[in-house]
Amino acid sequence: MNEEKKESIFDEMERVAAEYSQAKANAIYLTEFRKSKKAILMKEAESLKPGLAGNAQEREAYSHHEYKELLLGLREATEMAEAYKMKWEILRMRFEKWRSTQANKRAEANLR
């Protein structure tokens, strides 16, 4: 791997790191928003059926289509974050391979 290729790996690592950070932030946001959405939907269920018990409100919230959509979004955000994490690891391994190759070349040169 030449110097230009090494720089392209660094550029790719920088891009993937930014994308991973954004995907991770989205996953964390949706995880936290899930709690708020549940509370909103429970409040809505109670307003539609005054006197509805808390466990019934919770059941209504969990079965609401908006809550299910949020869970699908959370699944997608988590999947995306994990994919970028794996891309980062692959790039890191490629760089480490390059470093090892360079060290081996230096060692061979010193043996001559």
C-alpha atoms as a PDB file:
ATOM      1  CA  MET A   1       0.000   0.000   0.000  1.00  0.00           C
ATOM      2  CA  ASN A   2       1.494   3.286  -1.032  1.00  0.00           C
ATOM      3  CA  GLU A   3       1.232   6.610   0.757  1.00  0.00           C
ATOM      4  CA  GLU A   4      -1.713   7.687  -1.400  1.00  0.00           C
ATOM      5  CA  LYS A   5      -3.661   4.541  -0.518  1.00  0.00           C
ATOM      6  CA  LYS A   6      -2.877   5.057   3.176  1.00  0.00           C
ATOM      7  CA  GLU A   7      -4.305   8.577   2.954  1.00  0.00           C
ATOM      8  CA  SER A   8      -7.437   7.240   1.250  1.00  0.00           C
ATOM      9  CA  ILE A   9      -7.927   4.850   4.175  1.00  0.00           C
ATOM     10  CA  PHE A  10      -7.615   7.783   6.581  1.00  0.00           C
ATOM     11  CA  ASP A  11     -10.157   9.735   4.537  1.00  0.00           C
ATOM     12  CA  GLU A  12     -12.519   6.761   4.567  1.00  0.00           C
ATOM     13  CA  MET A  13     -12.023   6.295   8.320  1.00  0.00           C
ATOM     14  CA  GLU A  14     -12.872   9.944   8.874  1.00  0.00           C
ATOM     15  CA  ARG A  15     -16.039   9.627   6.761  1.00  0.00           C
ATOM     16  CA  VAL A  16     -17.132   6.408   8.454  1.00  0.00           C
ATOM     17  CA  ALA A  17     -16.450   7.867  11.910  1.00  0.00           C
ATOM     18  CA  ALA A  18     -18.724  10.825  11.155  1.00  0.00           C
ATOM     19  CA  GLU A  19     -21.456   8.565   9.778  1.00  0.00           C
ATOM     20  CA  TYR A  20     -21.152   6.188  12.737  1.00  0.00           C
ATOM     21  CA  SER A  21     -21.421   9.082  15.174  1.00  0.00           C
ATOM     22  CA  GLN A  22     -24.587  10.337  13.494  1.00  0.00           C
ATOM     23  CA  ALA A  23     -26.133   6.863  13.326  1.00  0.00           C
ATOM     24  CA  LYS A  24     -25.285   6.189  16.980  1.00  0.00           C
ATOM     25  CA  ALA A  25     -26.759   9.540  18.013  1.00  0.00           C
ATOM     26  CA  ASN A  26     -29.958   8.717  16.117  1.00  0.00           C
ATOM     27  CA  ALA A  27     -30.228   5.333  17.815  1.00  0.00           C
ATOM     28  CA  ILE A  28     -29.712   6.863  21.258  1.00  0.00           C
ATOM     29  CA  TYR A  29     -32.225   9.629  20.527  1.00  0.00           C
ATOM     30  CA  LEU A  30     -34.868   7.132  19.440  1.00  0.00           C
ATOM     31  CA  THR A  31     -34.178   4.956  22.476  1.00  0.00           C
ATOM     32  CA  GLU A  32     -34.799   7.913  24.762  1.00  0.00           C
ATOM     33  CA  PHE A  33     -37.723   9.256  22.718  1.00  0.00           C
ATOM     34  CA  ARG A  34     -39.391   5.862  23.011  1.00  0.00           C
ATOM     35  CA  LYS A  35     -40.062   6.670  26.678  1.00  0.00           C
ATOM     36  CA  SER A  36     -41.601  10.030  25.816  1.00  0.00           C
ATOM     37  CA  LYS A  37     -43.700   8.523  23.049  1.00  0.00           C
ATOM     38  CA  LYS A  38     -45.021   5.884  25.435  1.00  0.00           C
ATOM     39  CA  ALA A  39     -46.022   8.603  27.919  1.00  0.00           C
ATOM     40  CA  ILE A  40     -47.691  10.664  25.183  1.00  0.00           C
ATOM     41  CA  LEU A  41     -49.641   7.655  23.944  1.00  0.00           C
ATOM     42  CA  MET A  42     -50.642   6.655  27.464  1.00  0.00           C
ATOM     43  CA  LYS A  43     -51.931  10.176  28.074  1.00  0.00           C
ATOM     44  CA  GLU A  44     -53.833  10.029  24.781  1.00  0.00           C
ATOM     45  CA  ALA A  45     -55.380   6.678  25.735  1.00  0.00           C
ATOM     46  CA  GLU A  46     -56.448   8.092  29.098  1.00  0.00           C
ATOM     47  CA  SER A  47     -58.002  11.163  27.470  1.00  0.00           C
ATOM     48  CA  LEU A  48     -59.974   8.950  25.076  1.00  0.00           C
ATOM     49  CA  LYS A  49     -61.114   6.675  27.915  1.00  0.00           C
ATOM     50  CA  PRO A  50     -61.134   8.670  31.187  1.00  0.00           C
ATOM     51  CA  GLY A  51     -60.387   6.561  34.225  1.00  0.00           C
ATOM     52  CA  LEU A  52     -58.430   3.981  32.210  1.00  0.00           C
ATOM     53  CA  ALA A  53     -56.029   2.131  34.510  1.00  0.00           C
ATOM     54  CA  GLY A  54     -52.292   2.679  34.085  1.00  0.00           C
ATOM     55  CA  ASN A  55     -51.598  -0.838  32.855  1.00  0.00           C
ATOM     56  CA  ALA A  56     -54.381  -0.485  30.264  1.00  0.00           C
ATOM     57  CA  GLN A  57     -52.924   2.853  29.153  1.00  0.00           C
ATOM     58  CA  GLU A  58     -49.553   1.170  28.776  1.00  0.00           C
ATOM     59  CA  ARG A  59     -51.083  -1.659  26.738  1.00  0.00           C
ATOM     60  CA  GLU A  60     -52.758   0.903  24.462  1.00  0.00           C
ATOM     61  CA  ALA A  61     -49.488   2.799  24.045  1.00  0.00           C
ATOM     62  CA  TYR A  62     -47.482  -0.313  23.173  1.00  0.00           C
ATOM     63  CA  SER A  63     -50.047  -1.435  20.611  1.00  0.00           C
ATOM     64  CA  HIS A  64     -50.377   1.989  18.967  1.00  0.00           C
ATOM     65  CA  HIS A  65     -49.161   2.165  15.349  1.00  0.00           C
ATOM     66  CA  GLU A  66     -47.005   5.240  16.104  1.00  0.00           C
ATOM     67  CA  TYR A  67     -45.145   3.328  18.800  1.00  0.00           C
ATOM     68  CA  LYS A  68     -44.596   0.404  16.436  1.00  0.00           C
ATOM     69  CA  GLU A  69     -43.262   2.812  13.772  1.00  0.00           C
ATOM     70  CA  LEU A  70     -40.875   4.281  16.325  1.00  0.00           C
ATOM     71  CA  LEU A  71     -39.589   0.790  17.114  1.00  0.00           C
ATOM     72  CA  LEU A  72     -38.989   0.139  13.410  1.00  0.00           C
ATOM     73  CA  GLY A  73     -37.040   3.391  13.218  1.00  0.00           C
ATOM     74  CA  LEU A  74     -35.026   2.402  16.272  1.00  0.00           C
ATOM     75  CA  ARG A  75     -34.238  -0.960  14.707  1.00  0.00           C
ATOM     76  CA  GLU A  76     -33.069   0.739  11.501  1.00  0.00           C
ATOM     77  CA  ALA A  77     -30.965   3.311  13.372  1.00  0.00           C
ATOM     78  CA  THR A  78     -29.336   0.593  15.482  1.00  0.00           C
ATOM     79  CA  GLU A  79     -28.634  -1.521  12.407  1.00  0.00           C
ATOM     80  CA  MET A  80     -27.065   1.459  10.644  1.00  0.00           C
ATOM     81  CA  ALA A  81     -24.902   2.308  13.652  1.00  0.00           C
ATOM     82  CA  GLU A  82     -23.679  -1.270  13.894  1.00  0.00           C
ATOM     83  CA  ALA A  83     -22.930  -1.386  10.162  1.00  0.00           C
ATOM     84  CA  TYR A  84     -20.775   1.745  10.426  1.00  0.00           C
ATOM     85  CA  LYS A  85     -19.071   0.319  13.493  1.00  0.00           C
ATOM     86  CA  MET A  86     -18.151  -2.791  11.501  1.00  0.00           C
ATOM     87  CA  LYS A  87     -16.929  -0.684   8.560  1.00  0.00           C
ATOM     88  CA  TRP A  88     -14.725   1.216  11.013  1.00  0.00           C
ATOM     89  CA  GLU A  89     -13.277  -2.031  12.351  1.00  0.00           C
ATOM     90  CA  ILE A  90     -12.541  -3.297   8.830  1.00  0.00           C
ATOM     91  CA  LEU A  91     -10.765  -0.045   7.952  1.00  0.00           C
ATOM     92  CA  ARG A  92      -8.793  -0.216  11.197  1.00  0.00           C
ATOM     93  CA  MET A  93      -7.736  -3.785  10.406  1.00  0.00           C
ATOM     94  CA  ARG A  94      -6.675  -2.780   6.888  1.00  0.00           C
ATOM     95  CA  PHE A  95      -4.541  -0.008   8.339  1.00  0.00           C
ATOM     96  CA  GLU A  96      -3.016  -2.338  10.929  1.00  0.00           C
ATOM     97  CA  LYS A  97      -2.212  -4.799   8.149  1.00  0.00           C
ATOM     98  CA  TRP A  98      -0.460  -2.002   6.273  1.00  0.00           C
ATOM     99  CA  ARG A  99       1.491  -1.050   9.409  1.00  0.00           C
ATOM    100  CA  SER A 100       2.592  -4.656   9.938  1.00  0.00           C
ATOM    101  CA  THR A 101       3.674  -4.934   6.320  1.00  0.00           C
ATOM    102  CA  GLN A 102       5.735  -1.753   6.664  1.00  0.00           C
ATOM    103  CA  ALA A 103       7.355  -3.040   9.850  1.00  0.00           C
ATOM    104  CA  ASN A 104       8.184  -6.343   8.140  1.00  0.00           C
ATOM    105  CA  LYS A 105       9.762  -4.508   5.205  1.00  0.00           C
ATOM    106  CA  ARG A 106      11.884  -2.435   7.571  1.00  0.00           C
ATOM    107  CA  ALA A 107      12.958  -5.557   9.442  1.00  0.00           C
ATOM    108  CA  GLU A 108      13.914  -7.313   6.183  1.00  0.00           C
ATOM    109  CA  ALA A 109      15.898  -4.281   5.088  1.00  0.00           C
ATOM    110  CA  ASN A 110      17.821  -4.306   8.365  1.00  0.00           C
ATOM    111  CA  LEU A 111      18.715  -7.996   7.945  1.00  0.00           C
ATOM    112  CA  ARG A 112      20.409  -7.438   4.635  1.00  0.00           C
END
